[in-house]
Amino acid sequence: MDRSQASRRRLLDAGAIEFAAYGVAGARVDRISVDAKVSKAQIYSYYAGKENLFDAVLEDQVNDILDRAPLTADLPDYAVRLYDAYLEHPQLVRLATWARLERVPSGPLFPQADETAKTEVIAAGQQAGRIRSDMSAADIHSMVIAMAMTWSPSSLTYTATPADAAGDHERRRAGLAAAVQGAFMC
């Protein structure tokens, strides 16, 4: 990794922490600069401003979750892998929540994203008779994600942490898998 790539990586990591804690409006480029050990001039050179840095941070975090929990037609397993990914990296949920609050209050969070590959995975499972076919693939995908977020930082009832008892995590994983199985699988 060259110096420029290393600087960008540090900016994305520091930005994830700052934006997750304060949102776009509350985040401070000064703090990101200090934490990333990158000058403010470099931040503006790489990203042309705080808004673009936020977009890059959110994209980076989403890509990380997609790598950790790729969508498969085994929706109960997918939901559990998302639960684990959100547990290990809660900043994505916080960043997405800030994006909703401050930037995209309705419609798709990522309007430019092509969701075809995701819906095709679910549609293939529907055609094979493994996933219920009386609902759209896109709606099923959205609901599985929402179910996996039940104990995430966006929860209105309880936010799980890695410090919770192992038995609690196992109970949640089992309940989540059973709920997704019952709701969407044939």
N, C-alpha and C. Protein backbone atom coordinates (compact mmCIF):
# COMPACT_ATOMS: atom_id res chain seq x y z
N MET A 1 0.85 -1.17 0.00
CA MET A 1 0.00 0.00 0.00
C MET A 1 0.90 1.24 0.00
N ASP A 2 0.70 2.12 -0.97
CA ASP A 2 1.52 3.32 -1.02
C ASP A 2 1.03 4.35 0.01
N ARG A 3 1.76 5.43 0.16
CA ARG A 3 1.44 6.44 1.19
C ARG A 3 0.06 7.05 0.98
N SER A 4 -0.29 7.32 -0.27
CA SER A 4 -1.60 7.90 -0.56
C SER A 4 -2.72 6.95 -0.17
N GLN A 5 -2.57 5.67 -0.51
CA GLN A 5 -3.58 4.68 -0.13
C GLN A 5 -3.66 4.53 1.39
N ALA A 6 -2.52 4.56 2.04
CA ALA A 6 -2.50 4.45 3.50
C ALA A 6 -3.19 5.66 4.14
N SER A 7 -2.95 6.85 3.59
CA SER A 7 -3.61 8.05 4.10
C SER A 7 -5.12 7.97 3.91
N ARG A 8 -5.54 7.52 2.74
CA ARG A 8 -6.98 7.38 2.48
C ARG A 8 -7.59 6.36 3.43
N ARG A 9 -6.90 5.26 3.67
CA ARG A 9 -7.42 4.23 4.58
C ARG A 9 -7.58 4.81 5.98
N ARG A 10 -6.58 5.56 6.45
CA ARG A 10 -6.67 6.18 7.78
C ARG A 10 -7.82 7.18 7.83
N LEU A 11 -8.03 7.92 6.74
CA LEU A 11 -9.14 8.88 6.69
C LEU A 11 -10.49 8.17 6.75
N LEU A 12 -10.62 7.07 6.03
CA LEU A 12 -11.88 6.33 6.06
C LEU A 12 -12.14 5.76 7.44
N ASP A 13 -11.10 5.26 8.09
CA ASP A 13 -11.26 4.69 9.43
C ASP A 13 -11.59 5.78 10.45
N ALA A 14 -10.85 6.87 10.43
CA ALA A 14 -11.11 7.97 11.36
C ALA A 14 -12.47 8.62 11.05
N GLY A 15 -12.78 8.76 9.78
CA GLY A 15 -14.07 9.32 9.39
C GLY A 15 -15.23 8.46 9.86
N ALA A 16 -15.07 7.13 9.80
CA ALA A 16 -16.14 6.24 10.26
C ALA A 16 -16.44 6.47 11.73
N ILE A 17 -15.41 6.62 12.53
CA ILE A 17 -15.60 6.86 13.96
C ILE A 17 -16.27 8.22 14.20
N GLU A 18 -15.76 9.24 13.55
CA GLU A 18 -16.27 10.61 13.74
C GLU A 18 -17.71 10.74 13.25
N PHE A 19 -17.98 10.30 12.03
CA PHE A 19 -19.33 10.43 11.47
C PHE A 19 -20.33 9.56 12.21
N ALA A 20 -19.93 8.37 12.64
CA ALA A 20 -20.85 7.51 13.39
C ALA A 20 -21.25 8.17 14.71
N ALA A 21 -20.32 8.88 15.31
CA ALA A 21 -20.59 9.53 16.59
C ALA A 21 -21.38 10.83 16.45
N TYR A 22 -21.11 11.60 15.39
CA TYR A 22 -21.65 12.96 15.32
C TYR A 22 -22.49 13.27 14.10
N GLY A 23 -22.57 12.35 13.13
CA GLY A 23 -23.28 12.65 11.89
C GLY A 23 -22.47 13.59 11.02
N VAL A 24 -23.03 13.94 9.89
CA VAL A 24 -22.34 14.84 8.97
C VAL A 24 -22.25 16.23 9.56
N ALA A 25 -23.35 16.73 10.07
CA ALA A 25 -23.38 18.10 10.58
C ALA A 25 -22.47 18.29 11.79
N GLY A 26 -22.43 17.31 12.67
CA GLY A 26 -21.64 17.46 13.89
C GLY A 26 -20.19 17.05 13.77
N ALA A 27 -19.87 16.29 12.73
CA ALA A 27 -18.48 15.84 12.55
C ALA A 27 -17.57 17.04 12.27
N ARG A 28 -16.35 16.93 12.71
CA ARG A 28 -15.38 17.99 12.51
C ARG A 28 -14.19 17.45 11.73
N VAL A 29 -13.89 18.13 10.62
CA VAL A 29 -12.76 17.75 9.78
C VAL A 29 -11.46 17.85 10.58
N ASP A 30 -11.38 18.81 11.50
CA ASP A 30 -10.19 18.95 12.33
C ASP A 30 -9.92 17.68 13.13
N ARG A 31 -10.95 17.11 13.73
CA ARG A 31 -10.77 15.89 14.52
C ARG A 31 -10.38 14.71 13.62
N ILE A 32 -11.03 14.61 12.46
CA ILE A 32 -10.70 13.53 11.53
C ILE A 32 -9.25 13.66 11.09
N SER A 33 -8.84 14.87 10.80
CA SER A 33 -7.47 15.13 10.36
C SER A 33 -6.46 14.68 11.41
N VAL A 34 -6.71 15.06 12.65
CA VAL A 34 -5.80 14.68 13.74
C VAL A 34 -5.78 13.17 13.93
N ASP A 35 -6.96 12.56 13.99
CA ASP A 35 -7.05 11.11 14.23
C ASP A 35 -6.43 10.31 13.09
N ALA A 36 -6.57 10.80 11.86
CA ALA A 36 -6.03 10.07 10.70
C ALA A 36 -4.57 10.43 10.43
N LYS A 37 -4.07 11.44 11.12
CA LYS A 37 -2.71 11.92 10.88
C LYS A 37 -2.53 12.32 9.41
N VAL A 38 -3.55 13.05 8.93
CA VAL A 38 -3.58 13.54 7.55
C VAL A 38 -3.98 15.01 7.62
N SER A 39 -3.33 15.84 6.84
CA SER A 39 -3.65 17.27 6.89
C SER A 39 -5.04 17.54 6.33
N LYS A 40 -5.62 18.65 6.80
CA LYS A 40 -6.92 19.05 6.26
C LYS A 40 -6.82 19.28 4.75
N ALA A 41 -5.71 19.81 4.30
CA ALA A 41 -5.53 20.05 2.86
C ALA A 41 -5.61 18.73 2.08
N GLN A 42 -5.05 17.66 2.65
CA GLN A 42 -5.13 16.36 1.98
C GLN A 42 -6.56 15.86 1.94
N ILE A 43 -7.30 16.06 3.02
CA ILE A 43 -8.70 15.64 3.04
C ILE A 43 -9.44 16.30 1.89
N TYR A 44 -9.27 17.61 1.76
CA TYR A 44 -9.97 18.34 0.70
C TYR A 44 -9.44 17.96 -0.67
N SER A 45 -8.17 17.63 -0.76
CA SER A 45 -7.60 17.18 -2.03
C SER A 45 -8.18 15.84 -2.45
N TYR A 46 -8.31 14.93 -1.49
CA TYR A 46 -8.84 13.59 -1.80
C TYR A 46 -10.34 13.60 -2.02
N TYR A 47 -11.07 14.34 -1.19
CA TYR A 47 -12.53 14.22 -1.16
C TYR A 47 -13.29 15.52 -1.42
N ALA A 48 -12.62 16.62 -1.55
CA ALA A 48 -13.25 17.91 -1.86
C ALA A 48 -14.23 18.38 -0.80
N GLY A 49 -14.18 17.81 0.39
CA GLY A 49 -15.03 18.29 1.46
C GLY A 49 -15.59 17.19 2.33
N LYS A 50 -16.21 17.62 3.41
CA LYS A 50 -16.75 16.72 4.42
C LYS A 50 -17.87 15.84 3.87
N GLU A 51 -18.76 16.39 3.07
CA GLU A 51 -19.87 15.62 2.50
C GLU A 51 -19.36 14.45 1.66
N ASN A 52 -18.39 14.72 0.81
CA ASN A 52 -17.84 13.65 -0.04
C ASN A 52 -17.06 12.63 0.79
N LEU A 53 -16.40 13.08 1.84
CA LEU A 53 -15.72 12.13 2.73
C LEU A 53 -16.75 11.24 3.40
N PHE A 54 -17.86 11.81 3.86
CA PHE A 54 -18.92 11.00 4.45
C PHE A 54 -19.40 9.94 3.46
N ASP A 55 -19.65 10.35 2.21
CA ASP A 55 -20.10 9.40 1.19
C ASP A 55 -19.08 8.27 1.01
N ALA A 56 -17.81 8.61 0.99
CA ALA A 56 -16.76 7.60 0.82
C ALA A 56 -16.71 6.66 2.03
N VAL A 57 -16.87 7.22 3.23
CA VAL A 57 -16.87 6.42 4.45
C VAL A 57 -18.06 5.46 4.45
N LEU A 58 -19.24 5.96 4.13
CA LEU A 58 -20.43 5.11 4.12
C LEU A 58 -20.28 4.00 3.08
N GLU A 59 -19.81 4.33 1.90
CA GLU A 59 -19.59 3.32 0.87
C GLU A 59 -18.58 2.27 1.33
N ASP A 60 -17.51 2.71 1.96
CA ASP A 60 -16.50 1.79 2.46
C ASP A 60 -17.09 0.84 3.51
N GLN A 61 -17.90 1.38 4.41
CA GLN A 61 -18.51 0.57 5.45
C GLN A 61 -19.52 -0.43 4.87
N VAL A 62 -20.30 0.01 3.89
CA VAL A 62 -21.25 -0.90 3.24
C VAL A 62 -20.50 -2.02 2.54
N ASN A 63 -19.44 -1.68 1.82
CA ASN A 63 -18.66 -2.70 1.12
C ASN A 63 -18.06 -3.70 2.11
N ASP A 64 -17.64 -3.21 3.27
CA ASP A 64 -17.09 -4.10 4.29
C ASP A 64 -18.16 -5.09 4.77
N ILE A 65 -19.36 -4.61 5.01
CA ILE A 65 -20.45 -5.50 5.45
C ILE A 65 -20.81 -6.48 4.34
N LEU A 66 -20.83 -6.01 3.10
CA LEU A 66 -21.12 -6.92 1.97
C LEU A 66 -20.07 -8.02 1.87
N ASP A 67 -18.83 -7.69 2.16
CA ASP A 67 -17.77 -8.70 2.16
C ASP A 67 -17.94 -9.68 3.32
N ARG A 68 -18.34 -9.17 4.48
CA ARG A 68 -18.48 -10.01 5.67
C ARG A 68 -19.74 -10.88 5.61
N ALA A 69 -20.78 -10.36 4.99
CA ALA A 69 -22.06 -11.07 4.96
C ALA A 69 -22.67 -11.01 3.57
N PRO A 70 -22.08 -11.70 2.61
CA PRO A 70 -22.66 -11.68 1.26
C PRO A 70 -24.04 -12.33 1.25
N LEU A 71 -24.92 -11.78 0.45
CA LEU A 71 -26.28 -12.30 0.36
C LEU A 71 -26.29 -13.65 -0.33
N THR A 72 -26.96 -14.61 0.29
CA THR A 72 -27.19 -15.92 -0.32
C THR A 72 -28.68 -16.22 -0.18
N ALA A 73 -29.12 -17.25 -0.87
CA ALA A 73 -30.52 -17.65 -0.80
C ALA A 73 -30.85 -18.31 0.54
N ASP A 74 -29.85 -18.62 1.35
CA ASP A 74 -30.07 -19.13 2.70
C ASP A 74 -30.31 -17.92 3.60
N LEU A 75 -31.52 -17.39 3.55
CA LEU A 75 -31.83 -16.13 4.23
C LEU A 75 -31.67 -16.19 5.75
N PRO A 76 -32.01 -17.31 6.42
CA PRO A 76 -31.76 -17.33 7.87
C PRO A 76 -30.26 -17.18 8.20
N ASP A 77 -29.41 -17.86 7.45
CA ASP A 77 -27.97 -17.75 7.66
C ASP A 77 -27.49 -16.33 7.34
N TYR A 78 -28.00 -15.76 6.27
CA TYR A 78 -27.65 -14.39 5.88
C TYR A 78 -28.01 -13.42 7.01
N ALA A 79 -29.20 -13.55 7.57
CA ALA A 79 -29.63 -12.66 8.65
C ALA A 79 -28.71 -12.77 9.86
N VAL A 80 -28.32 -13.99 10.21
CA VAL A 80 -27.43 -14.20 11.35
C VAL A 80 -26.05 -13.60 11.07
N ARG A 81 -25.55 -13.76 9.84
CA ARG A 81 -24.25 -13.15 9.50
C ARG A 81 -24.33 -11.63 9.56
N LEU A 82 -25.48 -11.06 9.15
CA LEU A 82 -25.66 -9.61 9.29
C LEU A 82 -25.67 -9.20 10.76
N TYR A 83 -26.39 -9.96 11.59
CA TYR A 83 -26.41 -9.68 13.03
C TYR A 83 -24.98 -9.60 13.56
N ASP A 84 -24.17 -10.61 13.22
CA ASP A 84 -22.79 -10.64 13.69
C ASP A 84 -21.97 -9.47 13.14
N ALA A 85 -22.18 -9.14 11.88
CA ALA A 85 -21.44 -8.02 11.28
C ALA A 85 -21.83 -6.70 11.94
N TYR A 86 -23.11 -6.49 12.21
CA TYR A 86 -23.55 -5.26 12.87
C TYR A 86 -23.03 -5.22 14.31
N LEU A 87 -22.95 -6.37 14.94
CA LEU A 87 -22.43 -6.45 16.30
C LEU A 87 -20.95 -6.08 16.34
N GLU A 88 -20.19 -6.60 15.38
CA GLU A 88 -18.75 -6.33 15.33
C GLU A 88 -18.44 -4.93 14.81
N HIS A 89 -19.30 -4.38 13.96
CA HIS A 89 -19.05 -3.09 13.33
C HIS A 89 -20.32 -2.23 13.37
N PRO A 90 -20.69 -1.77 14.55
CA PRO A 90 -21.94 -1.01 14.69
C PRO A 90 -21.92 0.35 13.99
N GLN A 91 -20.74 0.80 13.61
CA GLN A 91 -20.67 2.13 12.98
C GLN A 91 -21.44 2.18 11.67
N LEU A 92 -21.56 1.07 10.93
CA LEU A 92 -22.32 1.11 9.68
C LEU A 92 -23.77 1.49 9.96
N VAL A 93 -24.37 0.88 10.95
CA VAL A 93 -25.77 1.17 11.27
C VAL A 93 -25.91 2.63 11.68
N ARG A 94 -24.98 3.11 12.49
CA ARG A 94 -25.03 4.52 12.90
C ARG A 94 -24.86 5.45 11.71
N LEU A 95 -23.92 5.12 10.81
CA LEU A 95 -23.71 5.95 9.62
C LEU A 95 -24.96 5.96 8.74
N ALA A 96 -25.57 4.81 8.54
CA ALA A 96 -26.78 4.74 7.73
C ALA A 96 -27.91 5.53 8.38
N THR A 97 -27.98 5.47 9.70
CA THR A 97 -29.01 6.24 10.41
C THR A 97 -28.78 7.73 10.24
N TRP A 98 -27.55 8.17 10.36
CA TRP A 98 -27.24 9.60 10.13
C TRP A 98 -27.57 9.98 8.69
N ALA A 99 -27.25 9.12 7.73
CA ALA A 99 -27.57 9.42 6.33
C ALA A 99 -29.08 9.60 6.16
N ARG A 100 -29.86 8.77 6.83
CA ARG A 100 -31.32 8.92 6.77
C ARG A 100 -31.77 10.22 7.42
N LEU A 101 -31.22 10.52 8.57
CA LEU A 101 -31.64 11.71 9.30
C LEU A 101 -31.24 13.00 8.59
N GLU A 102 -30.03 13.03 8.05
CA GLU A 102 -29.49 14.28 7.53
C GLU A 102 -29.53 14.43 6.01
N ARG A 103 -29.70 13.33 5.28
CA ARG A 103 -29.50 13.46 3.84
C ARG A 103 -30.58 12.82 2.99
N VAL A 104 -31.01 11.61 3.31
CA VAL A 104 -31.95 10.88 2.46
C VAL A 104 -33.10 10.37 3.33
N PRO A 105 -34.05 11.25 3.67
CA PRO A 105 -35.09 10.84 4.60
C PRO A 105 -36.10 9.84 4.06
N SER A 106 -36.19 9.69 2.75
CA SER A 106 -37.15 8.74 2.18
C SER A 106 -36.59 8.12 0.91
N GLY A 107 -37.25 7.07 0.46
CA GLY A 107 -36.79 6.37 -0.74
C GLY A 107 -35.56 5.53 -0.43
N PRO A 108 -34.92 5.03 -1.48
CA PRO A 108 -33.74 4.19 -1.25
C PRO A 108 -32.60 5.00 -0.63
N LEU A 109 -31.90 4.38 0.31
CA LEU A 109 -30.76 5.06 0.94
C LEU A 109 -29.66 5.30 -0.08
N PHE A 110 -29.51 4.37 -1.01
CA PHE A 110 -28.49 4.48 -2.05
C PHE A 110 -29.18 4.49 -3.41
N PRO A 111 -29.75 5.63 -3.82
CA PRO A 111 -30.53 5.65 -5.05
C PRO A 111 -29.73 5.28 -6.30
N GLN A 112 -28.44 5.47 -6.28
CA GLN A 112 -27.61 5.17 -7.43
C GLN A 112 -27.21 3.70 -7.50
N ALA A 113 -27.46 2.96 -6.43
CA ALA A 113 -27.03 1.55 -6.36
C ALA A 113 -27.91 0.66 -7.23
N ASP A 114 -27.28 -0.28 -7.85
CA ASP A 114 -27.99 -1.28 -8.64
C ASP A 114 -28.23 -2.49 -7.74
N GLU A 115 -29.46 -2.69 -7.34
CA GLU A 115 -29.81 -3.77 -6.43
C GLU A 115 -30.14 -5.06 -7.19
N THR A 116 -29.94 -5.08 -8.49
CA THR A 116 -30.31 -6.23 -9.31
C THR A 116 -29.67 -7.52 -8.83
N ALA A 117 -28.38 -7.50 -8.54
CA ALA A 117 -27.70 -8.72 -8.12
C ALA A 117 -28.32 -9.29 -6.85
N LYS A 118 -28.67 -8.41 -5.91
CA LYS A 118 -29.27 -8.87 -4.66
C LYS A 118 -30.65 -9.48 -4.91
N THR A 119 -31.45 -8.76 -5.67
CA THR A 119 -32.80 -9.29 -5.91
C THR A 119 -32.76 -10.55 -6.77
N GLU A 120 -31.76 -10.68 -7.62
CA GLU A 120 -31.64 -11.89 -8.43
C GLU A 120 -31.34 -13.11 -7.57
N VAL A 121 -30.55 -12.95 -6.53
CA VAL A 121 -30.25 -14.06 -5.62
C VAL A 121 -31.55 -14.55 -4.97
N ILE A 122 -32.35 -13.61 -4.49
CA ILE A 122 -33.61 -13.98 -3.85
C ILE A 122 -34.59 -14.51 -4.88
N ALA A 123 -34.67 -13.87 -6.04
CA ALA A 123 -35.58 -14.34 -7.11
C ALA A 123 -35.23 -15.77 -7.53
N ALA A 124 -33.96 -16.09 -7.60
CA ALA A 124 -33.55 -17.46 -7.96
C ALA A 124 -34.03 -18.44 -6.89
N GLY A 125 -33.94 -18.04 -5.63
CA GLY A 125 -34.45 -18.87 -4.54
C GLY A 125 -35.96 -19.02 -4.61
N GLN A 126 -36.64 -17.96 -5.05
CA GLN A 126 -38.09 -18.04 -5.23
C GLN A 126 -38.43 -19.00 -6.37
N GLN A 127 -37.73 -18.89 -7.47
CA GLN A 127 -37.99 -19.76 -8.62
C GLN A 127 -37.69 -21.22 -8.30
N ALA A 128 -36.72 -21.45 -7.42
CA ALA A 128 -36.37 -22.82 -7.03
C ALA A 128 -37.32 -23.37 -5.96
N GLY A 129 -38.23 -22.53 -5.49
CA GLY A 129 -39.19 -22.98 -4.49
C GLY A 129 -38.66 -22.99 -3.07
N ARG A 130 -37.52 -22.34 -2.82
CA ARG A 130 -36.93 -22.29 -1.47
C ARG A 130 -37.38 -21.06 -0.70
N ILE A 131 -37.72 -19.99 -1.41
CA ILE A 131 -38.13 -18.73 -0.79
C ILE A 131 -39.54 -18.41 -1.30
N ARG A 132 -40.38 -17.95 -0.41
CA ARG A 132 -41.76 -17.66 -0.79
C ARG A 132 -41.80 -16.69 -1.97
N SER A 133 -42.75 -16.89 -2.85
CA SER A 133 -42.81 -16.11 -4.08
C SER A 133 -43.98 -15.13 -4.13
N ASP A 134 -44.73 -15.01 -3.04
CA ASP A 134 -45.87 -14.09 -3.03
C ASP A 134 -45.48 -12.68 -2.60
N MET A 135 -44.18 -12.45 -2.46
CA MET A 135 -43.66 -11.12 -2.11
C MET A 135 -42.53 -10.80 -3.08
N SER A 136 -42.28 -9.51 -3.28
CA SER A 136 -41.18 -9.15 -4.17
C SER A 136 -39.84 -9.46 -3.51
N ALA A 137 -38.88 -9.80 -4.33
CA ALA A 137 -37.53 -10.08 -3.83
C ALA A 137 -36.96 -8.87 -3.10
N ALA A 138 -37.21 -7.67 -3.62
CA ALA A 138 -36.70 -6.45 -2.99
C ALA A 138 -37.30 -6.26 -1.60
N ASP A 139 -38.60 -6.53 -1.46
CA ASP A 139 -39.24 -6.38 -0.15
C ASP A 139 -38.70 -7.41 0.84
N ILE A 140 -38.51 -8.63 0.39
CA ILE A 140 -37.95 -9.66 1.26
C ILE A 140 -36.56 -9.24 1.73
N HIS A 141 -35.75 -8.76 0.81
CA HIS A 141 -34.40 -8.32 1.17
C HIS A 141 -34.46 -7.22 2.23
N SER A 142 -35.31 -6.24 2.05
CA SER A 142 -35.44 -5.15 3.02
C SER A 142 -35.87 -5.66 4.39
N MET A 143 -36.82 -6.59 4.41
CA MET A 143 -37.31 -7.09 5.69
C MET A 143 -36.27 -7.96 6.40
N VAL A 144 -35.51 -8.74 5.67
CA VAL A 144 -34.46 -9.55 6.30
C VAL A 144 -33.42 -8.63 6.93
N ILE A 145 -33.04 -7.59 6.22
CA ILE A 145 -32.08 -6.62 6.79
C ILE A 145 -32.64 -5.99 8.06
N ALA A 146 -33.91 -5.59 8.01
CA ALA A 146 -34.53 -4.97 9.19
C ALA A 146 -34.57 -5.94 10.36
N MET A 147 -34.87 -7.20 10.09
CA MET A 147 -34.90 -8.19 11.16
C MET A 147 -33.51 -8.39 11.75
N ALA A 148 -32.50 -8.41 10.92
CA ALA A 148 -31.13 -8.57 11.40
C ALA A 148 -30.69 -7.39 12.25
N MET A 149 -31.31 -6.23 12.05
CA MET A 149 -30.96 -5.02 12.80
C MET A 149 -31.73 -4.90 14.11
N THR A 150 -32.49 -5.91 14.47
CA THR A 150 -33.33 -5.85 15.66
C THR A 150 -32.56 -5.42 16.91
N TRP A 151 -31.32 -5.87 17.06
CA TRP A 151 -30.52 -5.54 18.25
C TRP A 151 -29.35 -4.61 17.91
N SER A 152 -29.44 -3.93 16.78
CA SER A 152 -28.37 -3.03 16.33
C SER A 152 -28.49 -1.67 17.00
N PRO A 153 -27.55 -0.75 16.74
CA PRO A 153 -27.64 0.59 17.31
C PRO A 153 -28.89 1.37 16.89
N SER A 154 -29.63 0.88 15.89
CA SER A 154 -30.85 1.57 15.50
C SER A 154 -32.08 1.02 16.21
N SER A 155 -31.89 0.05 17.09
CA SER A 155 -33.00 -0.58 17.79
C SER A 155 -33.69 0.41 18.73
N LEU A 156 -35.00 0.31 18.76
CA LEU A 156 -35.76 1.14 19.69
C LEU A 156 -35.92 0.47 21.05
N THR A 157 -35.52 -0.81 21.13
CA THR A 157 -35.73 -1.53 22.38
C THR A 157 -34.45 -1.93 23.10
N TYR A 158 -33.48 -2.49 22.37
CA TYR A 158 -32.24 -2.95 23.01
C TYR A 158 -31.13 -3.01 21.98
N THR A 159 -29.99 -2.43 22.30
CA THR A 159 -28.82 -2.50 21.43
C THR A 159 -27.82 -3.48 22.03
N ALA A 160 -27.52 -4.51 21.27
CA ALA A 160 -26.56 -5.52 21.71
C ALA A 160 -25.13 -5.01 21.56
N THR A 161 -24.24 -5.55 22.38
CA THR A 161 -22.82 -5.25 22.27
C THR A 161 -22.04 -6.55 22.36
N PRO A 162 -20.81 -6.55 21.91
CA PRO A 162 -19.99 -7.77 22.06
C PRO A 162 -19.84 -8.20 23.51
N ALA A 163 -20.01 -7.29 24.45
CA ALA A 163 -19.87 -7.61 25.87
C ALA A 163 -21.07 -8.38 26.43
N ASP A 164 -22.18 -8.45 25.69
CA ASP A 164 -23.34 -9.22 26.15
C ASP A 164 -22.93 -10.69 26.31
N ALA A 165 -23.61 -11.39 27.16
CA ALA A 165 -23.32 -12.80 27.40
C ALA A 165 -23.43 -13.61 26.11
N ALA A 166 -22.52 -14.55 25.95
CA ALA A 166 -22.52 -15.41 24.75
C ALA A 166 -23.86 -16.09 24.57
N GLY A 167 -24.47 -16.50 25.66
CA GLY A 167 -25.77 -17.15 25.58
C GLY A 167 -26.84 -16.23 25.02
N ASP A 168 -26.76 -14.95 25.34
CA ASP A 168 -27.71 -13.99 24.78
C ASP A 168 -27.55 -13.90 23.27
N HIS A 169 -26.30 -13.84 22.80
CA HIS A 169 -26.08 -13.78 21.35
C HIS A 169 -26.58 -15.05 20.67
N GLU A 170 -26.34 -16.18 21.27
CA GLU A 170 -26.80 -17.45 20.66
C GLU A 170 -28.33 -17.49 20.61
N ARG A 171 -28.99 -17.04 21.68
CA ARG A 171 -30.45 -16.99 21.71
C ARG A 171 -30.99 -16.07 20.62
N ARG A 172 -30.37 -14.91 20.47
CA ARG A 172 -30.81 -13.97 19.43
C ARG A 172 -30.59 -14.55 18.04
N ARG A 173 -29.41 -15.14 17.80
CA ARG A 173 -29.13 -15.74 16.49
C ARG A 173 -30.15 -16.82 16.16
N ALA A 174 -30.43 -17.68 17.14
CA ALA A 174 -31.39 -18.77 16.91
C ALA A 174 -32.79 -18.21 16.64
N GLY A 175 -33.19 -17.22 17.42
CA GLY A 175 -34.51 -16.61 17.22
C GLY A 175 -34.62 -15.90 15.89
N LEU A 176 -33.56 -15.19 15.52
CA LEU A 176 -33.54 -14.50 14.24
C LEU A 176 -33.63 -15.49 13.08
N ALA A 177 -32.83 -16.53 13.14
CA ALA A 177 -32.85 -17.54 12.06
C ALA A 177 -34.24 -18.19 11.98
N ALA A 178 -34.84 -18.50 13.11
CA ALA A 178 -36.17 -19.11 13.10
C ALA A 178 -37.22 -18.15 12.54
N ALA A 179 -37.12 -16.88 12.91
CA ALA A 179 -38.10 -15.89 12.42
C ALA A 179 -37.97 -15.71 10.91
N VAL A 180 -36.76 -15.62 10.41
CA VAL A 180 -36.56 -15.46 8.97
C VAL A 180 -37.00 -16.73 8.24
N GLN A 181 -36.67 -17.88 8.81
CA GLN A 181 -37.10 -19.16 8.22
C GLN A 181 -38.62 -19.19 8.09
N GLY A 182 -39.31 -18.87 9.18
CA GLY A 182 -40.76 -18.91 9.17
C GLY A 182 -41.41 -17.86 8.28
N ALA A 183 -40.77 -16.71 8.18
CA ALA A 183 -41.37 -15.62 7.40
C ALA A 183 -41.15 -15.75 5.90
N PHE A 184 -40.01 -16.28 5.50
CA PHE A 184 -39.66 -16.18 4.08
C PHE A 184 -39.31 -17.49 3.37
N MET A 185 -38.97 -18.52 4.11
CA MET A 185 -38.52 -19.75 3.47
C MET A 185 -39.68 -20.73 3.29
N CYS A 186 -39.60 -21.54 2.26
CA CYS A 186 -40.63 -22.54 2.00
C CYS A 186 -40.24 -23.87 2.59
